[in-house]
Amino acid sequence: MTKKILIVDDEPNIVISLEFLMKKEGFSVAVASDGDEALTKVASFAPDLILLDVMMPKKSGFEVCEALRADPANAGLLIVMLTAKGRDTEVAKGLAIGADAYITKPFSTKDLVARVKTMLGIV
């Protein structure tokens, strides 16, 4: 079964490149451009993994992560924070509220794909 990835970012250029990259790797992809849309898409798309930006309109990635982790139905959902906010305190906060990984921008697409595949158990 094809693994599903939800890309949540308000930067169109990042969304386009991530969507292309993940589809090229064989994933089913959905996109959300703000925190509220992300929560709606999780309910309708049921992704296996979310690539989640931190700085977004309506709800931040931190707020989205907290909301998802508060719902037991999302216990198996993998969350990767993908953000320009790379200070130690922000990384610690992201991991503390339930993110499974924290990757700072700019990032290597090769490393990101490898990380996603490893997290999803794809060798």
N, C-alpha and C. Protein backbone atom coordinates (compact mmCIF):
# COMPACT_ATOMS: atom_id res chain seq x y z
N MET A 1 0.84 -1.20 0.00
CA MET A 1 0.00 0.00 0.00
C MET A 1 0.88 1.25 0.00
N THR A 2 0.49 2.21 -0.78
CA THR A 2 1.25 3.45 -0.88
C THR A 2 1.14 4.26 0.41
N LYS A 3 2.29 4.72 0.91
CA LYS A 3 2.30 5.56 2.11
C LYS A 3 1.84 6.97 1.72
N LYS A 4 1.13 7.62 2.66
CA LYS A 4 0.58 8.94 2.39
C LYS A 4 1.31 10.00 3.22
N ILE A 5 1.67 11.09 2.53
CA ILE A 5 2.37 12.19 3.18
C ILE A 5 1.58 13.48 3.00
N LEU A 6 1.42 14.21 4.10
CA LEU A 6 0.78 15.52 4.07
C LEU A 6 1.87 16.57 4.21
N ILE A 7 1.95 17.48 3.24
CA ILE A 7 2.92 18.58 3.28
C ILE A 7 2.17 19.82 3.75
N VAL A 8 2.64 20.41 4.85
CA VAL A 8 2.00 21.59 5.41
C VAL A 8 3.01 22.73 5.44
N ASP A 9 2.84 23.70 4.54
CA ASP A 9 3.76 24.83 4.46
C ASP A 9 3.05 25.96 3.72
N ASP A 10 3.32 27.20 4.13
CA ASP A 10 2.68 28.34 3.47
C ASP A 10 3.55 28.96 2.37
N GLU A 11 4.70 28.38 2.09
CA GLU A 11 5.58 28.86 1.03
C GLU A 11 5.35 28.02 -0.23
N PRO A 12 4.71 28.58 -1.26
CA PRO A 12 4.39 27.80 -2.46
C PRO A 12 5.60 27.10 -3.09
N ASN A 13 6.75 27.76 -3.12
CA ASN A 13 7.93 27.14 -3.75
C ASN A 13 8.37 25.88 -3.00
N ILE A 14 8.30 25.91 -1.69
CA ILE A 14 8.68 24.75 -0.89
C ILE A 14 7.67 23.63 -1.10
N VAL A 15 6.39 23.98 -1.11
CA VAL A 15 5.33 22.99 -1.32
C VAL A 15 5.51 22.30 -2.67
N ILE A 16 5.74 23.08 -3.72
CA ILE A 16 5.91 22.52 -5.06
C ILE A 16 7.09 21.56 -5.11
N SER A 17 8.21 21.97 -4.55
CA SER A 17 9.40 21.10 -4.61
C SER A 17 9.22 19.84 -3.75
N LEU A 18 8.65 19.99 -2.56
CA LEU A 18 8.42 18.81 -1.70
C LEU A 18 7.40 17.86 -2.31
N GLU A 19 6.35 18.43 -2.89
CA GLU A 19 5.31 17.60 -3.51
C GLU A 19 5.91 16.79 -4.67
N PHE A 20 6.69 17.47 -5.52
CA PHE A 20 7.35 16.80 -6.64
C PHE A 20 8.27 15.69 -6.14
N LEU A 21 9.07 16.02 -5.14
CA LEU A 21 10.05 15.08 -4.59
C LEU A 21 9.37 13.84 -4.01
N MET A 22 8.34 14.03 -3.22
CA MET A 22 7.67 12.91 -2.56
C MET A 22 6.87 12.06 -3.56
N LYS A 23 6.25 12.69 -4.54
CA LYS A 23 5.53 11.94 -5.57
C LYS A 23 6.51 11.12 -6.41
N LYS A 24 7.67 11.71 -6.69
CA LYS A 24 8.71 11.02 -7.46
C LYS A 24 9.16 9.75 -6.73
N GLU A 25 9.13 9.79 -5.40
CA GLU A 25 9.53 8.65 -4.57
C GLU A 25 8.39 7.63 -4.40
N GLY A 26 7.23 7.93 -5.00
CA GLY A 26 6.13 6.98 -4.98
C GLY A 26 5.10 7.16 -3.87
N PHE A 27 5.19 8.27 -3.16
CA PHE A 27 4.23 8.53 -2.08
C PHE A 27 2.97 9.18 -2.63
N SER A 28 1.86 8.95 -1.96
CA SER A 28 0.62 9.68 -2.23
C SER A 28 0.71 10.96 -1.40
N VAL A 29 0.44 12.12 -2.03
CA VAL A 29 0.70 13.40 -1.36
C VAL A 29 -0.54 14.29 -1.34
N ALA A 30 -0.74 14.95 -0.20
CA ALA A 30 -1.75 16.00 -0.07
C ALA A 30 -1.03 17.22 0.49
N VAL A 31 -1.64 18.40 0.28
CA VAL A 31 -0.99 19.65 0.68
C VAL A 31 -1.96 20.51 1.48
N ALA A 32 -1.43 21.19 2.50
CA ALA A 32 -2.19 22.19 3.25
C ALA A 32 -1.31 23.42 3.40
N SER A 33 -1.92 24.61 3.35
CA SER A 33 -1.11 25.84 3.38
C SER A 33 -1.20 26.61 4.70
N ASP A 34 -1.99 26.11 5.66
CA ASP A 34 -2.02 26.73 6.98
C ASP A 34 -2.41 25.69 8.02
N GLY A 35 -2.31 26.07 9.28
CA GLY A 35 -2.55 25.13 10.37
C GLY A 35 -3.96 24.57 10.42
N ASP A 36 -4.95 25.41 10.17
CA ASP A 36 -6.34 24.94 10.20
C ASP A 36 -6.58 23.91 9.10
N GLU A 37 -6.09 24.23 7.90
CA GLU A 37 -6.25 23.32 6.76
C GLU A 37 -5.54 21.99 7.03
N ALA A 38 -4.40 22.06 7.73
CA ALA A 38 -3.64 20.86 8.06
C ALA A 38 -4.49 19.90 8.91
N LEU A 39 -5.16 20.43 9.92
CA LEU A 39 -5.97 19.59 10.80
C LEU A 39 -7.15 18.98 10.03
N THR A 40 -7.75 19.74 9.13
CA THR A 40 -8.85 19.24 8.30
C THR A 40 -8.35 18.12 7.38
N LYS A 41 -7.17 18.33 6.76
CA LYS A 41 -6.62 17.33 5.83
C LYS A 41 -6.22 16.05 6.56
N VAL A 42 -5.73 16.16 7.79
CA VAL A 42 -5.37 14.95 8.54
C VAL A 42 -6.62 14.08 8.70
N ALA A 43 -7.74 14.71 9.00
CA ALA A 43 -8.99 13.96 9.19
C ALA A 43 -9.47 13.31 7.89
N SER A 44 -9.35 14.02 6.76
CA SER A 44 -9.88 13.48 5.50
C SER A 44 -8.90 12.60 4.74
N PHE A 45 -7.60 12.92 4.79
CA PHE A 45 -6.58 12.22 4.00
C PHE A 45 -5.93 11.07 4.77
N ALA A 46 -5.93 11.15 6.10
CA ALA A 46 -5.31 10.13 6.97
C ALA A 46 -3.88 9.80 6.55
N PRO A 47 -2.98 10.80 6.64
CA PRO A 47 -1.60 10.55 6.22
C PRO A 47 -0.84 9.64 7.20
N ASP A 48 0.23 9.04 6.69
CA ASP A 48 1.12 8.25 7.53
C ASP A 48 2.16 9.15 8.18
N LEU A 49 2.48 10.25 7.48
CA LEU A 49 3.53 11.17 7.93
C LEU A 49 3.19 12.58 7.48
N ILE A 50 3.53 13.55 8.32
CA ILE A 50 3.31 14.97 7.99
C ILE A 50 4.66 15.68 7.98
N LEU A 51 4.89 16.45 6.92
CA LEU A 51 6.03 17.39 6.88
C LEU A 51 5.43 18.73 7.25
N LEU A 52 5.75 19.22 8.44
CA LEU A 52 5.04 20.34 9.05
C LEU A 52 5.94 21.55 9.29
N ASP A 53 5.61 22.66 8.63
CA ASP A 53 6.32 23.92 8.84
C ASP A 53 5.89 24.49 10.19
N VAL A 54 6.72 25.33 10.78
CA VAL A 54 6.37 25.93 12.08
C VAL A 54 5.65 27.27 11.89
N MET A 55 6.24 28.17 11.09
CA MET A 55 5.68 29.51 10.94
C MET A 55 4.65 29.54 9.81
N MET A 56 3.36 29.52 10.21
CA MET A 56 2.27 29.52 9.24
C MET A 56 1.11 30.37 9.75
N PRO A 57 0.23 30.77 8.82
CA PRO A 57 -0.97 31.52 9.24
C PRO A 57 -1.95 30.61 10.00
N LYS A 58 -2.83 31.23 10.74
CA LYS A 58 -3.92 30.61 11.49
C LYS A 58 -3.45 29.80 12.69
N LYS A 59 -2.71 28.72 12.46
CA LYS A 59 -2.13 27.95 13.57
C LYS A 59 -0.69 27.64 13.21
N SER A 60 0.20 27.77 14.18
CA SER A 60 1.61 27.43 13.92
C SER A 60 1.76 25.92 13.87
N GLY A 61 2.90 25.48 13.37
CA GLY A 61 3.20 24.05 13.36
C GLY A 61 3.21 23.47 14.76
N PHE A 62 3.67 24.26 15.72
CA PHE A 62 3.67 23.79 17.11
C PHE A 62 2.23 23.53 17.57
N GLU A 63 1.32 24.45 17.25
CA GLU A 63 -0.09 24.29 17.66
C GLU A 63 -0.73 23.08 16.97
N VAL A 64 -0.40 22.90 15.69
CA VAL A 64 -0.93 21.75 14.94
C VAL A 64 -0.41 20.45 15.56
N CYS A 65 0.86 20.41 15.86
CA CYS A 65 1.46 19.22 16.46
C CYS A 65 0.79 18.90 17.80
N GLU A 66 0.61 19.91 18.63
CA GLU A 66 -0.03 19.70 19.93
C GLU A 66 -1.46 19.18 19.77
N ALA A 67 -2.20 19.76 18.82
CA ALA A 67 -3.58 19.34 18.58
C ALA A 67 -3.64 17.88 18.11
N LEU A 68 -2.73 17.53 17.22
CA LEU A 68 -2.70 16.15 16.71
C LEU A 68 -2.33 15.15 17.81
N ARG A 69 -1.37 15.51 18.63
CA ARG A 69 -0.93 14.61 19.70
C ARG A 69 -1.97 14.50 20.81
N ALA A 70 -2.87 15.48 20.92
CA ALA A 70 -3.91 15.43 21.95
C ALA A 70 -5.02 14.44 21.58
N ASP A 71 -5.07 14.01 20.32
CA ASP A 71 -6.10 13.09 19.84
C ASP A 71 -5.52 11.68 19.72
N PRO A 72 -5.99 10.73 20.54
CA PRO A 72 -5.45 9.37 20.50
C PRO A 72 -5.56 8.71 19.13
N ALA A 73 -6.48 9.17 18.30
CA ALA A 73 -6.65 8.60 16.95
C ALA A 73 -5.40 8.84 16.09
N ASN A 74 -4.60 9.83 16.47
CA ASN A 74 -3.40 10.16 15.69
C ASN A 74 -2.12 9.60 16.31
N ALA A 75 -2.25 8.64 17.20
CA ALA A 75 -1.09 8.11 17.91
C ALA A 75 -0.01 7.58 16.98
N GLY A 76 -0.40 6.97 15.87
CA GLY A 76 0.59 6.39 14.96
C GLY A 76 1.10 7.33 13.89
N LEU A 77 0.57 8.54 13.88
CA LEU A 77 0.95 9.53 12.88
C LEU A 77 2.36 10.06 13.14
N LEU A 78 3.22 10.01 12.12
CA LEU A 78 4.59 10.53 12.26
C LEU A 78 4.60 12.01 11.88
N ILE A 79 5.24 12.82 12.71
CA ILE A 79 5.29 14.26 12.45
C ILE A 79 6.75 14.71 12.34
N VAL A 80 7.07 15.30 11.20
CA VAL A 80 8.41 15.86 10.97
C VAL A 80 8.27 17.36 10.87
N MET A 81 8.83 18.09 11.84
CA MET A 81 8.86 19.54 11.77
C MET A 81 9.93 19.91 10.75
N LEU A 82 9.56 20.75 9.79
CA LEU A 82 10.47 21.13 8.72
C LEU A 82 10.43 22.65 8.68
N THR A 83 11.46 23.29 9.26
CA THR A 83 11.33 24.73 9.49
C THR A 83 12.66 25.47 9.48
N ALA A 84 12.58 26.77 9.26
CA ALA A 84 13.76 27.63 9.33
C ALA A 84 14.13 27.93 10.79
N LYS A 85 13.20 27.67 11.70
CA LYS A 85 13.46 27.94 13.12
C LYS A 85 14.31 26.82 13.70
N GLY A 86 15.61 27.06 13.77
CA GLY A 86 16.51 25.98 14.16
C GLY A 86 17.25 26.17 15.47
N ARG A 87 16.83 27.15 16.28
CA ARG A 87 17.51 27.31 17.57
C ARG A 87 17.24 26.11 18.46
N ASP A 88 18.18 25.83 19.34
CA ASP A 88 18.06 24.67 20.22
C ASP A 88 16.74 24.65 20.98
N THR A 89 16.28 25.83 21.43
CA THR A 89 15.04 25.88 22.21
C THR A 89 13.84 25.48 21.35
N GLU A 90 13.86 25.87 20.08
CA GLU A 90 12.74 25.52 19.19
C GLU A 90 12.75 24.03 18.85
N VAL A 91 13.93 23.49 18.62
CA VAL A 91 14.07 22.05 18.36
C VAL A 91 13.56 21.27 19.57
N ALA A 92 13.99 21.68 20.75
CA ALA A 92 13.58 21.01 21.99
C ALA A 92 12.06 21.10 22.16
N LYS A 93 11.49 22.27 21.87
CA LYS A 93 10.04 22.44 22.00
C LYS A 93 9.31 21.51 21.04
N GLY A 94 9.75 21.48 19.77
CA GLY A 94 9.11 20.63 18.77
C GLY A 94 9.10 19.17 19.18
N LEU A 95 10.24 18.70 19.67
CA LEU A 95 10.34 17.30 20.09
C LEU A 95 9.54 17.05 21.38
N ALA A 96 9.53 18.04 22.26
CA ALA A 96 8.81 17.89 23.53
C ALA A 96 7.29 17.81 23.33
N ILE A 97 6.77 18.50 22.33
CA ILE A 97 5.31 18.47 22.12
C ILE A 97 4.88 17.31 21.23
N GLY A 98 5.84 16.50 20.79
CA GLY A 98 5.44 15.28 20.10
C GLY A 98 5.93 15.08 18.69
N ALA A 99 6.74 15.98 18.15
CA ALA A 99 7.28 15.76 16.81
C ALA A 99 8.23 14.57 16.87
N ASP A 100 8.22 13.76 15.81
CA ASP A 100 9.10 12.60 15.76
C ASP A 100 10.48 12.96 15.24
N ALA A 101 10.56 14.07 14.50
CA ALA A 101 11.85 14.54 13.97
C ALA A 101 11.74 16.04 13.73
N TYR A 102 12.89 16.70 13.71
CA TYR A 102 12.94 18.16 13.53
C TYR A 102 14.07 18.45 12.54
N ILE A 103 13.71 18.93 11.36
CA ILE A 103 14.69 19.20 10.31
C ILE A 103 14.65 20.69 9.99
N THR A 104 15.82 21.32 9.95
CA THR A 104 15.86 22.76 9.68
C THR A 104 16.11 23.04 8.20
N LYS A 105 15.49 24.13 7.73
CA LYS A 105 15.70 24.62 6.36
C LYS A 105 16.93 25.51 6.37
N PRO A 106 17.72 25.55 5.33
CA PRO A 106 17.62 24.69 4.15
C PRO A 106 18.05 23.28 4.50
N PHE A 107 17.52 22.32 3.77
CA PHE A 107 17.82 20.92 4.03
C PHE A 107 18.19 20.23 2.72
N SER A 108 18.85 19.10 2.85
CA SER A 108 19.21 18.29 1.69
C SER A 108 18.01 17.43 1.33
N THR A 109 17.55 17.51 0.08
CA THR A 109 16.39 16.70 -0.33
C THR A 109 16.71 15.21 -0.22
N LYS A 110 17.94 14.86 -0.52
CA LYS A 110 18.36 13.45 -0.43
C LYS A 110 18.25 12.97 1.03
N ASP A 111 18.73 13.79 1.96
CA ASP A 111 18.66 13.43 3.38
C ASP A 111 17.21 13.36 3.86
N LEU A 112 16.38 14.30 3.38
CA LEU A 112 14.97 14.32 3.78
C LEU A 112 14.27 13.04 3.31
N VAL A 113 14.47 12.67 2.06
CA VAL A 113 13.84 11.46 1.53
C VAL A 113 14.31 10.24 2.32
N ALA A 114 15.60 10.17 2.61
CA ALA A 114 16.14 9.04 3.38
C ALA A 114 15.50 8.99 4.77
N ARG A 115 15.36 10.14 5.39
CA ARG A 115 14.76 10.21 6.74
C ARG A 115 13.30 9.76 6.71
N VAL A 116 12.56 10.25 5.73
CA VAL A 116 11.14 9.90 5.60
C VAL A 116 10.99 8.40 5.37
N LYS A 117 11.79 7.85 4.48
CA LYS A 117 11.72 6.41 4.19
C LYS A 117 12.07 5.59 5.43
N THR A 118 13.08 6.00 6.16
CA THR A 118 13.47 5.29 7.38
C THR A 118 12.33 5.33 8.41
N MET A 119 11.75 6.51 8.59
CA MET A 119 10.67 6.66 9.57
C MET A 119 9.46 5.80 9.20
N LEU A 120 9.21 5.65 7.89
CA LEU A 120 8.05 4.88 7.43
C LEU A 120 8.37 3.39 7.28
N GLY A 121 9.62 3.02 7.58
CA GLY A 121 10.01 1.62 7.49
C GLY A 121 10.22 1.12 6.08
N ILE A 122 10.57 2.05 5.17
CA ILE A 122 10.84 1.70 3.78
C ILE A 122 12.36 1.71 3.60
N VAL A 123 12.91 0.60 3.15
CA VAL A 123 14.37 0.54 3.03
C VAL A 123 14.80 0.87 1.62
